[in-house]
Amino acid sequence: MVALVLWLVLKPAPARPGTASAIPVRVASVEQKDVPRFASSIGTVLSMHSVVIRPQIDGILTRLLVKEGQWVKKGDLLATIDDRSIRASLDQATAQLGESQAQLAVAQVNLKRYKLLSVDDGVSKQTYDQQQALVNQLKATAQGNQAAIDAAQVQLSYTQIRSPVAGRVGIRNVDEGNFLRTGDSEGLFTVTQIDPIAVEFSLPQQMLPTLQRLIAAPDRALVKAYIGADGNTGELLGEGHLSLIDNQINPNTGTLRAKAEFDNAAQRLWPGQLVTLKIQTALDKNALVVPPTVVQRGLEQHFVYRVKGDTVESVPVTMVYQDSDLHIIKGVNAGDQLVSDGQSRLKPGSHVQVLSDPPALTKTSESQP
């Protein structure tokens, strides 16, 4: 009798069904929100205007009025070339014009006089015609002199080199005092427009209908540029819009070139830089969004584990859109609790224990080289 009492007191308590076998999992809620879709590509930053500043006449470079790296506006004076010879030619052409105009004035007075005298046969018809020819000749001479003045003024304007665009001055190739020639290939320096700026990129030819739709849309398609060109999204450098697509597809690569334009007041985009682009191609309104780790792939379709009380059920879902950050699915409801970690041990009806804290990080010693 004593032994029976002791056994009843000391026997282990039976395990609660479903408690010891509960599988620890982590869950995520289904969110409903507007989700933009993006297509990715690697692009090269290009200046919309980059001009090599070259002389248009031969001459000595007398002054450089800008420094390397300086920002200039369109029409700003950049440099001057010795203009003394051209000014002398202009003065000579001006003097010749004055001489021709004086001779023309005298000839026209005589022509009027001969015309009156010819009525009474005071002068012969031949004399009148010769005077008329002289007037025409002096008019042509005066026009030639005026053309010489205009040409000299054009040449004189070339002695002042002005910026054709607004932008940033590059590295200087020539110093003051050098003799410049129009055939010099390098030029003085470049002026490159930085703001706004463009990015050129390529996409598969299958994207042509999408790009055409974006170009024709009244709202310009959003394009984001990120630092780096390794395919990973890094730091955001700027937001712009799709501006044009090329007029032909490259038959060798099956790709289509396109351009996006960016406001670049902060100068974070620089000509020649490689960047990662994300082009917004669509906007899914009221989409059901889950983390990528939630969706599992079965033999025939995708599915998720939905928490129901302390158990889970398998729910087939349709994949609408996916990227590295999120998946858009159909087949569940907003607010549903779906398993995001621990699915490998689950099956429909499994008992689960929802964990709230993130797993502790395991410290490992650094390996020595």
Protein backbone atom coordinates (compact mmCIF):
# COMPACT_ATOMS: atom_id res chain seq x y z
CA MET A 1 0.00 0.00 0.00
CA VAL A 2 2.86 2.39 0.88
CA ALA A 3 4.66 1.52 -2.34
CA LEU A 4 1.53 2.36 -4.37
CA VAL A 5 1.23 5.77 -2.72
CA LEU A 6 4.91 6.57 -3.37
CA TRP A 7 4.56 5.59 -7.06
CA LEU A 8 1.53 7.82 -7.52
CA VAL A 9 3.37 10.77 -5.91
CA LEU A 10 6.69 10.38 -7.75
CA LYS A 11 5.50 9.37 -11.24
CA PRO A 12 6.27 11.99 -13.98
CA ALA A 13 3.46 14.25 -15.13
CA PRO A 14 2.19 13.38 -18.61
CA ALA A 15 3.24 15.78 -21.39
CA ARG A 16 0.56 18.13 -22.63
CA PRO A 17 -0.51 17.20 -26.13
CA GLY A 18 0.67 19.79 -28.67
CA THR A 19 2.98 21.62 -26.25
CA ALA A 20 6.15 19.60 -26.40
CA SER A 21 5.82 19.13 -30.15
CA ALA A 22 5.15 22.83 -30.98
CA ILE A 23 7.47 24.06 -33.76
CA PRO A 24 8.97 27.55 -33.24
CA VAL A 25 8.28 29.86 -36.18
CA ARG A 26 8.30 33.52 -37.04
CA VAL A 27 5.41 35.18 -38.82
CA ALA A 28 4.71 38.22 -40.98
CA SER A 29 1.43 39.99 -41.60
CA VAL A 30 -0.01 40.43 -45.08
CA GLU A 31 0.03 44.15 -45.91
CA GLN A 32 -2.24 45.87 -48.40
CA LYS A 33 -0.71 48.91 -50.10
CA ASP A 34 0.16 50.49 -53.43
CA VAL A 35 3.33 48.93 -54.84
CA PRO A 36 5.35 50.33 -57.76
CA ARG A 37 6.94 47.85 -60.15
CA PHE A 38 10.47 48.42 -61.35
CA ALA A 39 12.77 47.16 -64.10
CA SER A 40 16.52 47.32 -63.43
CA SER A 41 19.46 48.10 -65.69
CA ILE A 42 23.04 49.36 -65.62
CA GLY A 43 23.49 52.84 -67.09
CA THR A 44 26.23 55.31 -67.95
CA VAL A 45 25.92 58.95 -66.93
CA LEU A 46 26.26 61.31 -69.90
CA SER A 47 26.39 65.08 -70.15
CA MET A 48 23.62 66.50 -72.28
CA HIS A 49 26.09 69.06 -73.68
CA SER A 50 29.88 68.73 -73.64
CA VAL A 51 31.83 71.16 -75.82
CA VAL A 52 35.53 71.24 -76.64
CA ILE A 53 36.57 74.90 -76.69
CA ARG A 54 38.73 75.45 -79.80
CA PRO A 55 39.94 78.67 -81.47
CA GLN A 56 38.26 79.68 -84.73
CA ILE A 57 41.20 81.83 -85.82
CA ASP A 58 44.97 81.58 -85.49
CA GLY A 59 46.56 83.86 -82.94
CA ILE A 60 48.27 84.28 -79.60
CA LEU A 61 46.23 83.42 -76.50
CA THR A 62 46.38 86.67 -74.55
CA ARG A 63 44.09 85.95 -71.57
CA LEU A 64 42.39 83.01 -69.85
CA LEU A 65 39.51 84.36 -67.81
CA VAL A 66 38.33 81.12 -66.15
CA LYS A 67 39.92 78.54 -63.89
CA GLU A 68 39.81 74.77 -64.07
CA GLY A 69 36.67 73.45 -62.40
CA GLN A 70 34.89 76.82 -62.56
CA TRP A 71 31.18 76.96 -63.31
CA VAL A 72 30.26 79.21 -66.23
CA LYS A 73 27.04 80.36 -67.83
CA LYS A 74 26.19 80.39 -71.51
CA GLY A 75 27.81 83.43 -73.14
CA ASP A 76 30.45 83.98 -70.45
CA LEU A 77 33.83 85.21 -71.76
CA LEU A 78 36.38 82.40 -71.39
CA ALA A 79 39.50 83.63 -73.20
CA THR A 80 40.80 86.25 -75.64
CA ILE A 81 43.14 86.08 -78.64
CA ASP A 82 45.37 88.88 -79.93
CA ASP A 83 43.11 91.02 -82.15
CA ARG A 84 45.43 93.83 -83.33
CA SER A 85 45.84 92.58 -86.90
CA ILE A 86 42.10 92.04 -87.33
CA ARG A 87 41.30 95.49 -85.95
CA ALA A 88 43.72 97.01 -88.46
CA SER A 89 41.98 95.13 -91.29
CA LEU A 90 38.63 96.36 -90.01
CA ASP A 91 39.84 99.97 -89.95
CA GLN A 92 41.17 99.61 -93.49
CA ALA A 93 37.88 98.17 -94.75
CA THR A 94 35.97 100.98 -93.02
CA ALA A 95 38.14 103.63 -94.69
CA GLN A 96 37.68 102.05 -98.11
CA LEU A 97 33.93 102.03 -97.59
CA GLY A 98 33.99 105.73 -96.76
CA GLU A 99 35.99 106.46 -99.92
CA SER A 100 33.61 104.45 -102.07
CA GLN A 101 30.57 106.12 -100.55
CA ALA A 102 32.04 109.59 -101.24
CA GLN A 103 32.76 108.71 -104.87
CA LEU A 104 29.28 107.26 -105.20
CA ALA A 105 27.69 110.44 -103.87
CA VAL A 106 29.53 112.56 -106.47
CA ALA A 107 28.63 110.16 -109.25
CA GLN A 108 24.94 110.20 -108.29
CA VAL A 109 24.88 114.03 -108.35
CA ASN A 110 26.43 114.04 -111.82
CA LEU A 111 23.96 111.39 -112.95
CA LYS A 112 21.02 113.61 -111.93
CA ARG A 113 22.57 116.57 -113.76
CA TYR A 114 23.16 114.52 -116.93
CA LYS A 115 19.60 113.28 -116.82
CA LEU A 116 18.22 116.85 -116.87
CA LEU A 117 20.60 117.90 -119.65
CA SER A 118 19.77 114.87 -121.73
CA VAL A 119 16.20 116.12 -122.10
CA ASP A 120 17.40 119.10 -124.18
CA ASP A 121 20.23 117.12 -125.74
CA GLY A 122 22.69 119.00 -123.49
CA VAL A 123 24.70 115.77 -123.16
CA SER A 124 24.83 112.81 -125.38
CA LYS A 125 23.04 109.58 -124.59
CA GLN A 126 26.41 107.85 -124.40
CA THR A 127 27.68 110.19 -121.71
CA TYR A 128 24.54 109.63 -119.63
CA ASP A 129 24.84 105.84 -119.96
CA GLN A 130 28.52 105.95 -118.94
CA GLN A 131 27.63 107.95 -115.85
CA GLN A 132 24.90 105.46 -114.99
CA ALA A 133 27.43 102.61 -115.30
CA LEU A 134 29.86 104.48 -113.03
CA VAL A 135 27.17 104.84 -110.36
CA ASN A 136 26.40 101.11 -110.53
CA GLN A 137 30.13 100.29 -110.32
CA LEU A 138 30.61 102.48 -107.23
CA LYS A 139 27.54 100.91 -105.59
CA ALA A 140 29.05 97.46 -106.09
CA THR A 141 32.38 98.68 -104.71
CA ALA A 142 30.65 100.06 -101.63
CA GLN A 143 28.84 96.73 -101.13
CA GLY A 144 32.17 94.90 -101.38
CA ASN A 145 33.69 97.23 -98.81
CA GLN A 146 30.74 96.62 -96.49
CA ALA A 147 31.19 92.87 -96.90
CA ALA A 148 34.86 93.23 -95.99
CA ILE A 149 33.83 95.10 -92.84
CA ASP A 150 31.33 92.39 -91.92
CA ALA A 151 33.98 89.68 -92.44
CA ALA A 152 36.46 91.58 -90.30
CA GLN A 153 33.87 91.99 -87.55
CA VAL A 154 33.20 88.26 -87.60
CA GLN A 155 36.93 87.57 -87.34
CA LEU A 156 37.14 90.09 -84.51
CA SER A 157 34.35 88.30 -82.64
CA TYR A 158 36.40 85.08 -82.82
CA THR A 159 39.10 86.74 -80.72
CA GLN A 160 36.70 86.57 -77.76
CA ILE A 161 35.96 82.95 -76.93
CA ARG A 162 32.63 82.62 -75.12
CA SER A 163 30.99 79.58 -73.59
CA PRO A 164 28.34 78.03 -75.85
CA VAL A 165 26.70 76.20 -72.92
CA ALA A 166 26.34 76.45 -69.16
CA GLY A 167 28.56 73.98 -67.37
CA ARG A 168 31.83 73.18 -65.66
CA VAL A 169 35.29 73.98 -67.08
CA GLY A 170 37.55 70.95 -67.43
CA ILE A 171 41.34 70.58 -67.25
CA ARG A 172 43.21 73.25 -69.25
CA ASN A 173 45.44 72.12 -72.12
CA VAL A 174 46.97 75.49 -73.14
CA ASP A 175 48.48 78.36 -71.15
CA GLU A 176 48.45 82.09 -71.89
CA GLY A 177 51.02 83.23 -74.46
CA ASN A 178 50.78 80.15 -76.67
CA PHE A 179 50.05 80.46 -80.36
CA LEU A 180 46.71 78.85 -81.16
CA ARG A 181 45.81 77.25 -84.45
CA THR A 182 42.38 76.26 -85.69
CA GLY A 183 43.73 72.79 -86.52
CA ASP A 184 44.66 72.01 -82.90
CA SER A 185 42.79 68.82 -81.95
CA GLU A 186 42.87 69.11 -78.15
CA GLY A 187 41.45 72.60 -77.81
CA LEU A 188 41.82 74.82 -74.76
CA PHE A 189 39.54 72.79 -72.45
CA THR A 190 36.02 71.41 -72.31
CA VAL A 191 32.84 72.87 -70.87
CA THR A 192 30.48 70.13 -69.70
CA GLN A 193 26.88 70.57 -68.63
CA ILE A 194 26.21 68.83 -65.30
CA ASP A 195 22.66 69.96 -64.47
CA PRO A 196 20.45 68.57 -65.90
CA ILE A 197 22.21 65.35 -66.82
CA ALA A 198 21.30 62.14 -68.64
CA VAL A 199 21.83 58.41 -68.11
CA GLU A 200 21.93 56.01 -71.05
CA PHE A 201 21.01 52.36 -70.48
CA SER A 202 19.86 49.22 -72.31
CA LEU A 203 16.92 46.89 -71.73
CA PRO A 204 15.85 43.63 -73.42
CA GLN A 205 13.83 44.10 -76.59
CA GLN A 206 10.83 42.49 -74.85
CA MET A 207 10.54 45.73 -72.85
CA LEU A 208 9.79 47.79 -75.99
CA PRO A 209 5.95 47.81 -75.56
CA THR A 210 6.36 48.79 -71.91
CA LEU A 211 8.78 51.61 -72.74
CA GLN A 212 6.53 52.88 -75.53
CA ARG A 213 3.61 52.94 -73.10
CA LEU A 214 5.68 54.85 -70.55
CA ILE A 215 6.86 57.41 -73.12
CA ALA A 216 3.29 57.99 -74.37
CA ALA A 217 1.82 58.31 -70.85
CA PRO A 218 0.93 61.84 -69.66
CA ASP A 219 2.84 61.27 -66.40
CA ARG A 220 6.56 60.77 -66.90
CA ALA A 221 7.91 57.40 -65.73
CA LEU A 222 10.00 57.58 -62.56
CA VAL A 223 13.64 56.47 -62.81
CA LYS A 224 15.92 56.09 -59.78
CA ALA A 225 19.71 56.01 -60.01
CA TYR A 226 21.79 54.22 -57.38
CA ILE A 227 25.51 54.18 -56.78
CA GLY A 228 27.47 51.26 -58.22
CA ALA A 229 26.97 48.94 -61.15
CA ASP A 230 27.12 45.49 -59.55
CA GLY A 231 23.37 44.93 -59.75
CA ASN A 232 22.86 45.65 -56.05
CA THR A 233 20.87 48.69 -54.99
CA GLY A 234 23.16 51.05 -53.11
CA GLU A 235 22.86 54.69 -52.15
CA LEU A 236 20.23 56.69 -54.04
CA LEU A 237 21.92 59.32 -56.21
CA GLY A 238 18.89 60.93 -57.81
CA GLU A 239 15.40 60.60 -59.23
CA GLY A 240 14.57 61.46 -62.82
CA HIS A 241 12.26 60.46 -65.63
CA LEU A 242 12.38 58.42 -68.82
CA SER A 243 13.04 60.83 -71.69
CA LEU A 244 13.44 58.78 -74.90
CA ILE A 245 14.00 55.37 -76.45
CA ASP A 246 16.26 54.69 -79.41
CA ASN A 247 14.82 54.33 -82.90
CA GLN A 248 16.17 50.82 -83.44
CA ILE A 249 16.99 47.57 -81.63
CA ASN A 250 20.53 46.22 -81.67
CA PRO A 251 20.19 42.93 -83.61
CA ASN A 252 23.44 41.56 -82.17
CA THR A 253 22.44 41.88 -78.52
CA GLY A 254 18.64 42.03 -78.74
CA THR A 255 18.62 45.14 -76.56
CA LEU A 256 17.12 48.59 -76.88
CA ARG A 257 18.88 51.76 -75.77
CA ALA A 258 17.04 54.42 -73.81
CA LYS A 259 17.78 57.61 -71.88
CA ALA A 260 16.60 59.10 -68.63
CA GLU A 261 17.01 62.73 -67.57
CA PHE A 262 17.87 63.85 -64.04
CA ASP A 263 17.96 67.19 -62.24
CA ASN A 264 21.45 67.27 -60.77
CA ALA A 265 21.77 70.41 -58.67
CA ALA A 266 23.63 68.46 -55.96
CA GLN A 267 26.03 67.10 -58.64
CA ARG A 268 25.81 63.54 -57.34
CA LEU A 269 25.71 62.19 -60.88
CA TRP A 270 28.92 62.69 -62.85
CA PRO A 271 29.63 62.15 -66.57
CA GLY A 272 31.12 58.72 -67.23
CA GLN A 273 29.84 57.23 -63.96
CA LEU A 274 28.26 53.76 -63.94
CA VAL A 275 25.00 53.54 -61.98
CA THR A 276 22.22 51.07 -61.31
CA LEU A 277 18.83 52.24 -62.58
CA LYS A 278 15.36 51.22 -61.48
CA ILE A 279 12.60 52.27 -63.87
CA GLN A 280 9.05 52.31 -62.57
CA THR A 281 6.99 50.35 -65.11
CA ALA A 282 3.64 50.06 -63.28
CA LEU A 283 1.80 50.69 -60.00
CA ASP A 284 -0.23 47.91 -58.32
CA LYS A 285 -2.93 49.51 -56.19
CA ASN A 286 -4.12 47.81 -52.97
CA ALA A 287 -1.73 44.92 -53.55
CA LEU A 288 -1.26 42.15 -50.97
CA VAL A 289 2.40 42.29 -50.02
CA VAL A 290 4.55 39.78 -48.10
CA PRO A 291 8.30 39.34 -47.53
CA PRO A 292 10.04 37.03 -50.03
CA THR A 293 10.72 34.39 -47.35
CA VAL A 294 6.99 33.77 -46.86
CA VAL A 295 6.20 32.19 -50.23
CA GLN A 296 7.17 28.54 -50.75
CA ARG A 297 7.34 26.71 -54.06
CA GLY A 298 5.54 23.39 -54.33
CA LEU A 299 5.54 20.81 -57.06
CA GLU A 300 2.73 22.47 -58.96
CA GLN A 301 2.23 25.93 -57.45
CA HIS A 302 3.31 28.40 -54.82
CA PHE A 303 1.87 28.19 -51.30
CA VAL A 304 2.17 29.78 -47.85
CA TYR A 305 1.63 28.55 -44.30
CA ARG A 306 -1.08 30.57 -42.56
CA VAL A 307 -1.29 30.53 -38.78
CA LYS A 308 -4.68 29.41 -37.51
CA GLY A 309 -4.79 29.39 -33.72
CA ASP A 310 -1.81 27.31 -32.61
CA THR A 311 -1.63 25.37 -35.89
CA VAL A 312 -0.89 26.16 -39.52
CA GLU A 313 -2.65 25.47 -42.77
CA SER A 314 -1.25 25.37 -46.29
CA VAL A 315 -2.79 27.98 -48.60
CA PRO A 316 -2.09 27.98 -52.37
CA VAL A 317 -1.28 31.46 -53.71
CA THR A 318 -0.72 33.08 -57.08
CA MET A 319 2.51 35.05 -57.57
CA VAL A 320 1.66 38.41 -59.17
CA TYR A 321 5.03 40.17 -58.88
CA GLN A 322 8.32 39.56 -57.11
CA ASP A 323 11.61 41.28 -56.48
CA SER A 324 14.36 41.09 -53.88
CA ASP A 325 12.39 43.11 -51.31
CA LEU A 326 8.79 41.90 -51.57
CA HIS A 327 6.31 39.62 -53.28
CA ILE A 328 2.77 40.47 -54.41
CA ILE A 329 0.45 37.47 -54.09
CA LYS A 330 -3.21 36.51 -54.38
CA GLY A 331 -5.09 33.91 -52.34
CA VAL A 332 -4.80 35.39 -48.85
CA ASN A 333 -6.35 38.31 -46.99
CA ALA A 334 -4.86 41.49 -45.59
CA GLY A 335 -3.79 40.97 -41.99
CA ASP A 336 -3.30 37.20 -42.26
CA GLN A 337 -0.37 35.87 -40.23
CA LEU A 338 1.92 33.87 -42.52
CA VAL A 339 5.00 31.91 -41.51
CA SER A 340 8.19 33.64 -42.64
CA ASP A 341 10.79 31.44 -40.92
CA GLY A 342 10.75 27.77 -39.92
CA GLN A 343 8.71 26.33 -42.80
CA SER A 344 11.08 23.38 -43.34
CA ARG A 345 9.61 21.50 -40.37
CA LEU A 346 5.99 22.32 -41.06
CA LYS A 347 3.14 20.46 -42.64
CA PRO A 348 -0.59 21.24 -42.67
CA GLY A 349 -1.96 20.93 -39.13
CA SER A 350 1.42 21.27 -37.39
CA HIS A 351 1.35 22.92 -33.97
CA VAL A 352 3.49 26.04 -33.84
CA GLN A 353 4.88 28.47 -31.32
CA VAL A 354 5.19 32.00 -32.66
CA LEU A 355 8.46 33.66 -31.70
CA SER A 356 8.54 37.40 -31.23
CA ASP A 357 12.21 38.15 -30.57
CA PRO A 358 14.82 37.92 -33.31
CA PRO A 359 17.30 35.05 -32.99
CA ALA A 360 20.46 35.74 -31.04
CA LEU A 361 23.57 36.28 -33.14
CA THR A 362 26.28 33.68 -32.68
CA LYS A 363 29.72 35.20 -32.27
CA THR A 364 32.44 33.46 -34.23
CA SER A 365 36.13 34.11 -34.07
CA GLU A 366 37.69 35.72 -37.11
CA SER A 367 39.65 33.29 -39.22
CA GLN A 368 43.32 33.98 -39.52
CA PRO A 369 44.85 34.20 -43.00
